[in-house]
Amino acid sequence: MGRVRALLFDFNGTLSDDEPLLCAVYRDLFAEYGRPLSEEEYYAHLAGLAEAALLARWLDLEGEALEQAAGQRIARYQELASDGSTVLAHTREAVAYAATRVPLAIVSGAVRREIEPVVAAAGLAGLFAELVAADDVSHGKPHPEGYLRALDLLGLADDPANVVAFEDTEVGVAAAKDAGLVCFAMATTLPPGRLGRADRIVPRIDLALVREVLG
């Protein structure tokens, strides 16, 4: 890897330390639909998937019914996370520094209306050059479409090997690697053994890590 030209961040579980919160929201919602979900099942089968794929897999929903369930889930998430508290202080510091050095983007399986309020409340609005959300792609992770779109928007489609993505799930790592990116994975959501395609496993995103990456 040469000079790093951009940093791309997954949202849920990476930029936003919210996987336990998400798990709880899904568990409550799925119980209401008569399809109980354990914590172990969430992390084994669903963590990291885009909303539509996740709901289709567990509830076997499609069309209007799927959209209704997604709306319920997103509303519950917004109630709990829209104050920005899930973006931890060390992550905010790292992002603020990185934004002075290279372009940043968020690439997420979440929709814009749940990402943007959290980012704004955390004081990070305006630091990201691009946001590629579930609304913007036809295929969620592990498909690389989101990352490829971000590269194109940043004008870096010809240089993915000098772009670093931060992820926390195996589907996210797969998407980043299949887009040709360098991928750092946080072992906060899944055990390191499930993140084997990542170029490096890290405990968290902080200022020391970002300074090391950017040189």
Protein backbone atom coordinates (compact mmCIF):
# COMPACT_ATOMS: atom_id res chain seq x y z
CA MET A 1 0.00 0.00 0.00
CA GLY A 2 1.29 3.41 -0.99
CA ARG A 3 0.06 6.75 0.26
CA VAL A 4 -3.48 6.35 1.58
CA ARG A 5 -5.85 8.46 -0.47
CA ALA A 6 -9.15 8.03 1.40
CA LEU A 7 -10.73 6.33 4.40
CA LEU A 8 -14.11 4.60 4.16
CA PHE A 9 -16.15 3.72 7.23
CA ASP A 10 -18.91 1.21 7.76
CA PHE A 11 -21.56 2.69 10.05
CA ASN A 12 -23.29 0.19 12.35
CA GLY A 13 -20.78 -1.37 14.72
CA THR A 14 -17.85 0.57 13.27
CA LEU A 15 -18.37 4.32 13.20
CA SER A 16 -21.34 3.88 15.53
CA ASP A 17 -20.81 1.52 18.47
CA ASP A 18 -24.35 0.22 18.22
CA GLU A 19 -24.41 -3.49 17.41
CA PRO A 20 -25.73 -4.47 20.88
CA LEU A 21 -28.43 -1.81 20.51
CA LEU A 22 -29.31 -3.06 17.03
CA CYS A 23 -29.44 -6.63 18.24
CA ALA A 24 -31.87 -5.67 21.01
CA VAL A 25 -34.10 -3.75 18.59
CA TYR A 26 -34.24 -6.65 16.15
CA ARG A 27 -34.90 -9.16 18.93
CA ASP A 28 -37.85 -7.15 20.25
CA LEU A 29 -39.28 -6.59 16.78
CA PHE A 30 -38.89 -10.18 15.66
CA ALA A 31 -40.52 -11.48 18.83
CA GLU A 32 -43.56 -9.36 17.96
CA TYR A 33 -43.62 -11.02 14.55
CA GLY A 34 -43.56 -14.46 16.17
CA ARG A 35 -40.02 -15.24 15.04
CA PRO A 36 -37.87 -14.97 18.18
CA LEU A 37 -34.18 -14.23 17.65
CA SER A 38 -31.43 -15.00 20.12
CA GLU A 39 -28.33 -12.88 20.53
CA GLU A 40 -26.25 -15.79 19.28
CA GLU A 41 -28.40 -16.13 16.15
CA TYR A 42 -28.14 -12.42 15.40
CA TYR A 43 -24.35 -12.41 15.45
CA ALA A 44 -24.06 -15.78 13.69
CA HIS A 45 -26.43 -15.10 10.81
CA LEU A 46 -27.55 -11.48 10.52
CA ALA A 47 -24.96 -8.95 11.73
CA GLY A 48 -23.74 -6.77 8.89
CA LEU A 49 -26.47 -7.58 6.39
CA ALA A 50 -28.39 -4.80 4.68
CA GLU A 51 -31.87 -4.18 6.09
CA ALA A 52 -33.87 -5.78 3.30
CA ALA A 53 -31.72 -8.91 3.22
CA LEU A 54 -31.83 -9.24 7.00
CA LEU A 55 -35.61 -8.93 7.24
CA ALA A 56 -36.17 -11.20 4.27
CA ARG A 57 -33.90 -13.87 5.74
CA TRP A 58 -35.42 -13.94 9.23
CA LEU A 59 -39.05 -12.94 8.69
CA ASP A 60 -39.46 -14.10 5.09
CA LEU A 61 -41.01 -10.75 4.15
CA GLU A 62 -41.11 -8.90 0.87
CA GLY A 63 -42.75 -5.88 -0.70
CA GLU A 64 -44.97 -3.69 1.46
CA ALA A 65 -44.72 -5.98 4.48
CA LEU A 66 -40.94 -5.78 4.40
CA GLU A 67 -41.04 -1.99 4.10
CA GLN A 68 -43.40 -1.77 7.07
CA ALA A 69 -41.12 -3.91 9.25
CA ALA A 70 -38.09 -1.88 8.16
CA GLY A 71 -39.86 1.33 9.08
CA GLN A 72 -40.67 0.00 12.53
CA ARG A 73 -37.09 -1.09 13.11
CA ILE A 74 -35.61 2.21 11.92
CA ALA A 75 -37.99 4.27 14.08
CA ARG A 76 -36.97 2.31 17.17
CA TYR A 77 -33.29 2.74 16.34
CA GLN A 78 -33.74 6.48 15.87
CA GLU A 79 -35.34 6.80 19.29
CA LEU A 80 -32.31 5.19 20.92
CA ALA A 81 -29.36 6.47 18.88
CA SER A 82 -30.21 9.83 17.32
CA ASP A 83 -28.45 11.70 20.15
CA GLY A 84 -25.10 10.62 18.70
CA SER A 85 -23.98 8.87 21.88
CA THR A 86 -23.11 5.67 20.02
CA VAL A 87 -20.24 7.46 18.26
CA LEU A 88 -17.60 7.24 20.96
CA ALA A 89 -15.20 10.05 21.85
CA HIS A 90 -12.09 8.32 20.53
CA THR A 91 -13.84 7.64 17.22
CA ARG A 92 -14.95 11.26 16.90
CA GLU A 93 -11.38 12.42 17.53
CA ALA A 94 -10.00 10.03 14.93
CA VAL A 95 -12.54 11.06 12.29
CA ALA A 96 -11.98 14.77 12.92
CA TYR A 97 -8.23 14.33 12.43
CA ALA A 98 -8.58 12.10 9.37
CA ALA A 99 -10.85 14.63 7.68
CA THR A 100 -7.99 17.15 7.70
CA ARG A 101 -5.80 14.71 5.78
CA VAL A 102 -7.84 12.75 3.24
CA PRO A 103 -11.42 12.46 1.94
CA LEU A 104 -13.73 10.34 4.08
CA ALA A 105 -16.88 8.42 3.22
CA ILE A 106 -19.44 6.25 4.96
CA VAL A 107 -20.46 3.03 3.20
CA SER A 108 -23.32 1.33 5.00
CA GLY A 109 -26.19 -1.12 4.72
CA ALA A 110 -28.26 1.27 6.83
CA VAL A 111 -30.48 3.93 5.26
CA ARG A 112 -29.68 7.62 5.21
CA ARG A 113 -32.41 8.63 7.61
CA GLU A 114 -30.85 6.59 10.41
CA ILE A 115 -27.22 7.49 9.63
CA GLU A 116 -27.41 11.24 9.12
CA PRO A 117 -29.00 12.21 12.48
CA VAL A 118 -26.42 10.18 14.40
CA VAL A 119 -23.50 11.67 12.48
CA ALA A 120 -24.87 15.19 12.95
CA ALA A 121 -25.51 14.74 16.67
CA ALA A 122 -21.97 13.41 17.09
CA GLY A 123 -20.62 16.65 15.63
CA LEU A 124 -19.27 15.01 12.49
CA ALA A 125 -21.61 16.47 9.87
CA GLY A 126 -19.62 17.92 7.01
CA LEU A 127 -16.54 15.79 7.63
CA PHE A 128 -17.59 13.06 5.21
CA ALA A 129 -17.24 13.82 1.53
CA GLU A 130 -19.67 11.05 0.58
CA LEU A 131 -22.30 8.79 2.10
CA VAL A 132 -23.32 5.60 0.31
CA ALA A 133 -26.29 4.09 2.12
CA ALA A 134 -28.71 1.26 1.43
CA ASP A 135 -30.87 3.78 -0.43
CA ASP A 136 -28.11 4.25 -3.00
CA VAL A 137 -27.36 0.68 -4.10
CA SER A 138 -29.14 -2.33 -5.53
CA HIS A 139 -27.00 -4.88 -3.70
CA GLY A 140 -26.01 -4.76 -0.03
CA LYS A 141 -22.91 -6.21 1.57
CA PRO A 142 -21.24 -8.67 0.99
CA HIS A 143 -21.66 -7.35 -2.55
CA PRO A 144 -19.00 -4.68 -3.22
CA GLU A 145 -21.38 -2.26 -4.97
CA GLY A 146 -21.44 0.24 -2.11
CA TYR A 147 -17.67 0.47 -1.91
CA LEU A 148 -17.30 0.64 -5.67
CA ARG A 149 -19.80 3.49 -5.75
CA ALA A 150 -17.90 5.34 -3.03
CA LEU A 151 -14.64 4.96 -4.96
CA ASP A 152 -16.31 6.33 -8.07
CA LEU A 153 -17.78 9.31 -6.19
CA LEU A 154 -14.36 10.10 -4.70
CA GLY A 155 -12.64 9.81 -8.07
CA LEU A 156 -10.58 6.85 -6.87
CA ALA A 157 -12.04 4.01 -8.93
CA ASP A 158 -8.62 3.46 -10.49
CA ASP A 159 -6.77 3.24 -7.16
CA PRO A 160 -8.67 1.06 -4.67
CA ALA A 161 -5.47 -0.47 -3.29
CA ASN A 162 -4.60 2.85 -1.65
CA VAL A 163 -7.97 3.27 0.05
CA VAL A 164 -8.62 1.85 3.53
CA ALA A 165 -12.01 0.61 4.71
CA PHE A 166 -12.95 0.05 8.34
CA GLU A 167 -15.42 -2.76 9.02
CA ASP A 168 -16.68 -4.99 11.83
CA THR A 169 -18.42 -7.96 10.14
CA GLU A 170 -17.43 -10.68 7.72
CA VAL A 171 -19.92 -9.51 5.10
CA GLY A 172 -18.48 -6.01 5.34
CA VAL A 173 -14.92 -7.27 5.07
CA ALA A 174 -15.91 -9.33 2.03
CA ALA A 175 -17.46 -6.28 0.36
CA ALA A 176 -14.37 -4.16 0.99
CA LYS A 177 -11.92 -6.79 -0.20
CA ASP A 178 -13.96 -7.62 -3.29
CA ALA A 179 -13.85 -3.91 -4.15
CA GLY A 180 -10.05 -4.10 -4.02
CA LEU A 181 -9.64 -2.10 -0.80
CA VAL A 182 -7.33 -2.51 2.15
CA CYS A 183 -9.58 -3.49 5.06
CA PHE A 184 -9.08 -3.03 8.79
CA ALA A 185 -11.61 -4.95 10.87
CA MET A 186 -12.64 -4.15 14.42
CA ALA A 187 -13.04 -7.29 16.52
CA THR A 188 -15.85 -5.73 18.54
CA THR A 189 -18.83 -7.40 16.88
CA LEU A 190 -17.48 -10.76 15.73
CA PRO A 191 -14.50 -12.87 16.82
CA PRO A 192 -11.27 -12.41 14.83
CA GLY A 193 -11.65 -15.86 13.32
CA ARG A 194 -14.63 -14.65 11.30
CA LEU A 195 -12.74 -11.64 9.98
CA GLY A 196 -9.96 -13.59 8.31
CA ARG A 197 -10.02 -11.74 4.98
CA ALA A 198 -9.22 -8.44 6.67
CA ASP A 199 -5.71 -7.10 6.20
CA ARG A 200 -5.53 -6.26 9.88
CA ILE A 201 -7.61 -6.77 13.02
CA VAL A 202 -7.78 -3.74 15.33
CA PRO A 203 -9.44 -3.19 18.72
CA ARG A 204 -10.96 0.18 17.84
CA ILE A 205 -10.69 3.26 15.65
CA ASP A 206 -8.75 5.94 17.49
CA LEU A 207 -6.36 8.80 16.80
CA ALA A 208 -3.24 6.66 17.15
CA LEU A 209 -4.51 4.17 14.56
CA VAL A 210 -5.54 6.82 12.06
CA ARG A 211 -2.22 8.63 12.41
CA GLU A 212 -0.42 5.35 11.77
CA VAL A 213 -2.54 4.58 8.71
CA LEU A 214 -2.13 8.02 7.19
CA GLY A 215 1.57 8.29 8.01
